[in-house]
C-alpha atoms as a PDB file:
ATOM      1  CA  UNK A   1       4.162  19.277  21.924  1.00  0.00           C
ATOM      2  CA  UNK A   2       1.667  18.265  19.541  1.00  0.00           C
ATOM      3  CA  UNK A   3       3.047  15.905  16.520  1.00  0.00           C
ATOM      4  CA  UNK A   4       1.063  13.955  13.699  1.00  0.00           C
ATOM      5  CA  UNK A   5       2.746  11.307  11.682  1.00  0.00           C
ATOM      6  CA  UNK A   6       0.723  10.462   8.329  1.00  0.00           C
ATOM      7  CA  UNK A   7       1.999   9.352   4.721  1.00  0.00           C
ATOM      8  CA  UNK A   8       0.026   8.891   2.345  1.00  0.00           C
ATOM      9  CA  UNK A   9       1.537   6.939  -0.711  1.00  0.00           C
ATOM     10  CA  UNK A  10       0.351   6.658  -4.150  1.00  0.00           C
ATOM     11  CA  UNK A  11       3.740   4.318  -6.802  1.00  0.00           C
ATOM     12  CA  UNK A  12       4.279   1.367  -7.975  1.00  0.00           C
ATOM     13  CA  UNK A  13       6.254  -1.538  -6.593  1.00  0.00           C
ATOM     14  CA  UNK A  14       9.732  -1.932  -7.351  1.00  0.00           C
ATOM     15  CA  UNK A  15      10.496  -5.168  -7.034  1.00  0.00           C
ATOM     16  CA  UNK A  16       8.582  -8.538  -5.728  1.00  0.00           C
ATOM     17  CA  UNK A  17       7.046  -8.082  -2.136  1.00  0.00           C
ATOM     18  CA  UNK A  18       9.312 -10.273   0.361  1.00  0.00           C
ATOM     19  CA  UNK A  19       7.167 -12.004   2.822  1.00  0.00           C
ATOM     20  CA  UNK A  20       8.420 -13.651   5.956  1.00  0.00           C
ATOM     21  CA  UNK A  21       7.768 -14.410   9.501  1.00  0.00           C
ATOM     22  CA  UNK A  22       8.771 -13.096  13.126  1.00  0.00           C
ATOM     23  CA  UNK A  23      10.183 -15.481  15.859  1.00  0.00           C
ATOM     24  CA  UNK A  24       6.503 -14.794  17.259  1.00  0.00           C
ATOM     25  CA  UNK A  25       4.408 -16.074  13.974  1.00  0.00           C
ATOM     26  CA  UNK A  26       3.582 -12.349  12.997  1.00  0.00           C
ATOM     27  CA  UNK A  27       3.813 -11.977   8.698  1.00  0.00           C
ATOM     28  CA  UNK A  28       5.535  -9.264   7.397  1.00  0.00           C
ATOM     29  CA  UNK A  29       5.759  -8.288   4.056  1.00  0.00           C
ATOM     30  CA  UNK A  30       8.237  -5.395   3.135  1.00  0.00           C
ATOM     31  CA  UNK A  31       7.855  -3.997  -0.139  1.00  0.00           C
ATOM     32  CA  UNK A  32       9.828  -0.285  -2.160  1.00  0.00           C
ATOM     33  CA  UNK A  33       7.704   2.197  -3.979  1.00  0.00           C
ATOM     34  CA  UNK A  34       8.924   4.050  -6.480  1.00  0.00           C
ATOM     35  CA  UNK A  35       7.223   7.643  -6.554  1.00  0.00           C
ATOM     36  CA  UNK A  36       7.363  10.309  -8.866  1.00  0.00           C
ATOM     37  CA  UNK A  37       6.456  13.666  -9.130  1.00  0.00           C
ATOM     38  CA  UNK A  38       7.295  15.758 -12.349  1.00  0.00           C
ATOM     39  CA  UNK A  39       8.251  19.288 -12.785  1.00  0.00           C
ATOM     40  CA  UNK A  40       9.483  22.373 -14.944  1.00  0.00           C
ATOM     41  CA  UNK A  41      12.675  23.686 -14.478  1.00  0.00           C
ATOM     42  CA  UNK A  42      13.452  27.317 -14.487  1.00  0.00           C
ATOM     43  CA  UNK A  43      14.238  26.684 -17.826  1.00  0.00           C
ATOM     44  CA  UNK A  44      10.769  25.285 -19.185  1.00  0.00           C
ATOM     45  CA  UNK A  45      11.926  21.437 -19.343  1.00  0.00           C
ATOM     46  CA  UNK A  46      10.425  18.738 -17.879  1.00  0.00           C
ATOM     47  CA  UNK A  47      11.574  16.743 -15.318  1.00  0.00           C
ATOM     48  CA  UNK A  48      10.659  13.916 -13.090  1.00  0.00           C
ATOM     49  CA  UNK A  49      12.170  13.318 -10.084  1.00  0.00           C
ATOM     50  CA  UNK A  50      11.118   9.838  -8.305  1.00  0.00           C
ATOM     51  CA  UNK A  51      11.846   8.584  -4.938  1.00  0.00           C
ATOM     52  CA  UNK A  52      11.868   5.405  -3.871  1.00  0.00           C
ATOM     53  CA  UNK A  53      10.687   4.544  -0.508  1.00  0.00           C
ATOM     54  CA  UNK A  54      10.349   1.174   1.411  1.00  0.00           C
ATOM     55  CA  UNK A  55       7.166  -0.175   2.991  1.00  0.00           C
ATOM     56  CA  UNK A  56       6.451  -2.757   5.545  1.00  0.00           C
ATOM     57  CA  UNK A  57       3.029  -4.288   6.558  1.00  0.00           C
ATOM     58  CA  UNK A  58       2.007  -6.500   8.900  1.00  0.00           C
ATOM     59  CA  UNK A  59      -0.336  -9.436   9.741  1.00  0.00           C
ATOM     60  CA  UNK A  60      -3.683 -10.267   7.389  1.00  0.00           C
ATOM     61  CA  UNK A  61      -2.604  -6.648   5.094  1.00  0.00           C
ATOM     62  CA  UNK A  62       1.448  -8.557   4.854  1.00  0.00           C
ATOM     63  CA  UNK A  63       0.141 -11.385   3.665  1.00  0.00           C
ATOM     64  CA  UNK A  64      -1.949  -9.933   1.096  1.00  0.00           C
ATOM     65  CA  UNK A  65       0.251  -7.793  -0.465  1.00  0.00           C
ATOM     66  CA  UNK A  66       2.294 -10.344  -0.362  1.00  0.00           C
ATOM     67  CA  UNK A  67      -0.207 -12.744  -2.558  1.00  0.00           C
ATOM     68  CA  UNK A  68      -1.438 -10.145  -4.954  1.00  0.00           C
ATOM     69  CA  UNK A  69       1.128  -7.787  -6.248  1.00  0.00           C
ATOM     70  CA  UNK A  70       3.955  -8.032  -7.500  1.00  0.00           C
ATOM     71  CA  UNK A  71       6.348  -5.621  -9.492  1.00  0.00           C
ATOM     72  CA  UNK A  72       5.354  -2.340 -11.469  1.00  0.00           C
ATOM     73  CA  UNK A  73       1.956  -3.182  -9.871  1.00  0.00           C
ATOM     74  CA  UNK A  74       0.611   0.745  -8.901  1.00  0.00           C
ATOM     75  CA  UNK A  75      -0.223   0.585  -4.706  1.00  0.00           C
ATOM     76  CA  UNK A  76      -1.440   3.584  -2.452  1.00  0.00           C
ATOM     77  CA  UNK A  77      -0.501   3.352   1.421  1.00  0.00           C
ATOM     78  CA  UNK A  78      -0.838   5.077   4.149  1.00  0.00           C
ATOM     79  CA  UNK A  79       0.554   4.717   7.511  1.00  0.00           C
ATOM     80  CA  UNK A  80       4.032   6.716   9.127  1.00  0.00           C
ATOM     81  CA  UNK A  81       7.597   7.034   9.005  1.00  0.00           C
ATOM     82  CA  UNK A  82       9.479   4.795  11.430  1.00  0.00           C
ATOM     83  CA  UNK A  83      13.440   5.434  11.920  1.00  0.00           C
ATOM     84  CA  UNK A  84      14.955   1.921  11.650  1.00  0.00           C
ATOM     85  CA  UNK A  85      18.155   1.733  13.724  1.00  0.00           C
ATOM     86  CA  UNK A  86      21.068  -0.467  13.312  1.00  0.00           C
ATOM     87  CA  UNK A  87      24.262  -0.921  13.256  1.00  0.00           C
ATOM     88  CA  UNK A  88      26.757  -2.844  10.193  1.00  0.00           C
ATOM     89  CA  UNK A  89      29.064  -5.568  10.288  1.00  0.00           C
ATOM     90  CA  UNK A  90      32.211  -2.941  10.124  1.00  0.00           C
ATOM     91  CA  UNK A  91      30.382  -0.996  13.662  1.00  0.00           C
ATOM     92  CA  UNK A  92      28.848   1.949  11.573  1.00  0.00           C
ATOM     93  CA  UNK A  93      25.673   3.067  13.236  1.00  0.00           C
ATOM     94  CA  UNK A  94      23.231   3.039   9.960  1.00  0.00           C
ATOM     95  CA  UNK A  95      19.744   4.469   9.655  1.00  0.00           C
ATOM     96  CA  UNK A  96      16.965   4.779   7.188  1.00  0.00           C
ATOM     97  CA  UNK A  97      12.804   5.839   6.932  1.00  0.00           C
ATOM     98  CA  UNK A  98      10.994   3.330   6.529  1.00  0.00           C
ATOM     99  CA  UNK A  99       6.421   3.487   6.162  1.00  0.00           C
ATOM    100  CA  UNK A 100       4.720   1.405   8.664  1.00  0.00           C
ATOM    101  CA  UNK A 101       1.738   0.904   6.682  1.00  0.00           C
ATOM    102  CA  UNK A 102      -1.939   0.665   7.840  1.00  0.00           C
ATOM    103  CA  UNK A 103      -4.094   0.605   5.022  1.00  0.00           C
ATOM    104  CA  UNK A 104      -3.002  -0.274   1.345  1.00  0.00           C
ATOM    105  CA  UNK A 105      -6.022  -0.463  -1.998  1.00  0.00           C
ATOM    106  CA  UNK A 106      -4.631  -1.662  -5.402  1.00  0.00           C
ATOM    107  CA  UNK A 107      -5.526   0.385  -7.921  1.00  0.00           C
ATOM    108  CA  UNK A 108      -5.769  -1.808 -10.896  1.00  0.00           C
ATOM    109  CA  UNK A 109      -7.273  -5.008 -11.713  1.00  0.00           C
ATOM    110  CA  UNK A 110      -4.583  -7.447 -12.642  1.00  0.00           C
ATOM    111  CA  UNK A 111      -4.052 -11.529 -13.014  1.00  0.00           C
ATOM    112  CA  UNK A 112      -1.283 -13.119 -11.182  1.00  0.00           C
ATOM    113  CA  UNK A 113       0.591 -15.090 -13.565  1.00  0.00           C
ATOM    114  CA  UNK A 114       0.211 -18.090 -10.526  1.00  0.00           C
ATOM    115  CA  UNK A 115      -3.544 -18.652 -11.593  1.00  0.00           C
ATOM    116  CA  UNK A 116      -4.885 -15.698  -8.842  1.00  0.00           C
ATOM    117  CA  UNK A 117      -8.256 -13.483  -9.263  1.00  0.00           C
ATOM    118  CA  UNK A 118      -8.967 -10.527 -10.570  1.00  0.00           C
ATOM    119  CA  UNK A 119      -8.186  -7.758  -7.891  1.00  0.00           C
ATOM    120  CA  UNK A 120      -9.247  -4.523  -7.823  1.00  0.00           C
ATOM    121  CA  UNK A 121      -9.202  -0.760  -6.619  1.00  0.00           C
ATOM    122  CA  UNK A 122     -11.085  -1.504  -3.340  1.00  0.00           C
ATOM    123  CA  UNK A 123      -9.091  -4.669  -2.103  1.00  0.00           C
ATOM    124  CA  UNK A 124      -6.650  -5.330   0.560  1.00  0.00           C
ATOM    125  CA  UNK A 125      -7.796  -2.989   3.800  1.00  0.00           C
ATOM    126  CA  UNK A 126     -11.077  -4.635   3.941  1.00  0.00           C
ATOM    127  CA  UNK A 127     -12.702  -6.724   7.084  1.00  0.00           C
ATOM    128  CA  UNK A 128     -13.004  -8.731   4.380  1.00  0.00           C
ATOM    129  CA  UNK A 129     -10.578  -9.579   1.842  1.00  0.00           C
ATOM    130  CA  UNK A 130     -12.033 -11.686  -0.647  1.00  0.00           C
ATOM    131  CA  UNK A 131     -11.440  -9.848  -3.784  1.00  0.00           C
ATOM    132  CA  UNK A 132     -14.030  -7.679  -5.941  1.00  0.00           C
ATOM    133  CA  UNK A 133     -13.574  -5.593  -8.998  1.00  0.00           C
ATOM    134  CA  UNK A 134     -12.925  -2.225  -9.614  1.00  0.00           C
ATOM    135  CA  UNK A 135     -16.277  -0.566  -8.777  1.00  0.00           C
ATOM    136  CA  UNK A 136     -17.045  -3.092  -5.929  1.00  0.00           C
ATOM    137  CA  UNK A 137     -16.877  -6.061  -8.594  1.00  0.00           C
ATOM    138  CA  UNK A 138     -19.474  -8.937  -7.765  1.00  0.00           C
ATOM    139  CA  UNK A 139     -22.045  -8.933  -4.497  1.00  0.00           C
ATOM    140  CA  UNK A 140     -21.970 -12.000  -2.392  1.00  0.00           C
ATOM    141  CA  UNK A 141     -25.096 -12.828  -1.328  1.00  0.00           C
ATOM    142  CA  UNK A 142     -26.907 -11.235   2.021  1.00  0.00           C
ATOM    143  CA  UNK A 143     -23.693  -8.388   1.659  1.00  0.00           C
ATOM    144  CA  UNK A 144     -24.839  -4.857   1.949  1.00  0.00           C
ATOM    145  CA  UNK A 145     -24.366  -2.078  -0.516  1.00  0.00           C
ATOM    146  CA  UNK A 146     -23.113   0.826  -0.527  1.00  0.00           C
ATOM    147  CA  UNK A 147     -23.971   2.863  -3.588  1.00  0.00           C
ATOM    148  CA  UNK A 148     -22.678   6.385  -2.404  1.00  0.00           C
ATOM    149  CA  UNK A 149     -26.240   8.346  -1.498  1.00  0.00           C
ATOM    150  CA  UNK A 150     -27.106   9.729   1.216  1.00  0.00           C
ATOM    151  CA  UNK A 151     -30.821  10.062   2.347  1.00  0.00           C
ATOM    152  CA  UNK A 152     -32.634  12.517   3.778  1.00  0.00           C
ATOM    153  CA  UNK A 153     -31.690  11.247   8.084  1.00  0.00           C
ATOM    154  CA  UNK A 154     -28.315  11.199   7.500  1.00  0.00           C
ATOM    155  CA  UNK A 155     -27.588  15.369   6.590  1.00  0.00           C
ATOM    156  CA  UNK A 156     -26.250  17.098   9.676  1.00  0.00           C
ATOM    157  CA  UNK A 157     -28.422  20.418   8.718  1.00  0.00           C
END
């Protein structure tokens, strides 16, 4: 049987991200997203439904999120669902579903209180993690610029 486990979420952090390190030295950042949807009831009144989702990011992504995001920051996260199971101190079996982040994008420019730089809509999921502003921000010497234009040789027909 084929299966597919992919999630795309856009929401706001409900608290500051928590960064920790595993015994083997891998950085792990846990944060919670509030994701909402608005709809109308049968009587026509407007309602909002909010879901709170735990997200784990690892390695360089974890460090980037912890460094640049704060409570209330908007973010897009793409990843997969994972079932986390454990036994409580009272012996009860517990479980919850969380998202393992595989990529993300910062969705607004903001300046951190600690003097960090401006980080734009494309931050976080590049190999080159230098901060960029909206629309690509400043360019660096020798950097290729992709303006989105498609040349005739790239059209497949």
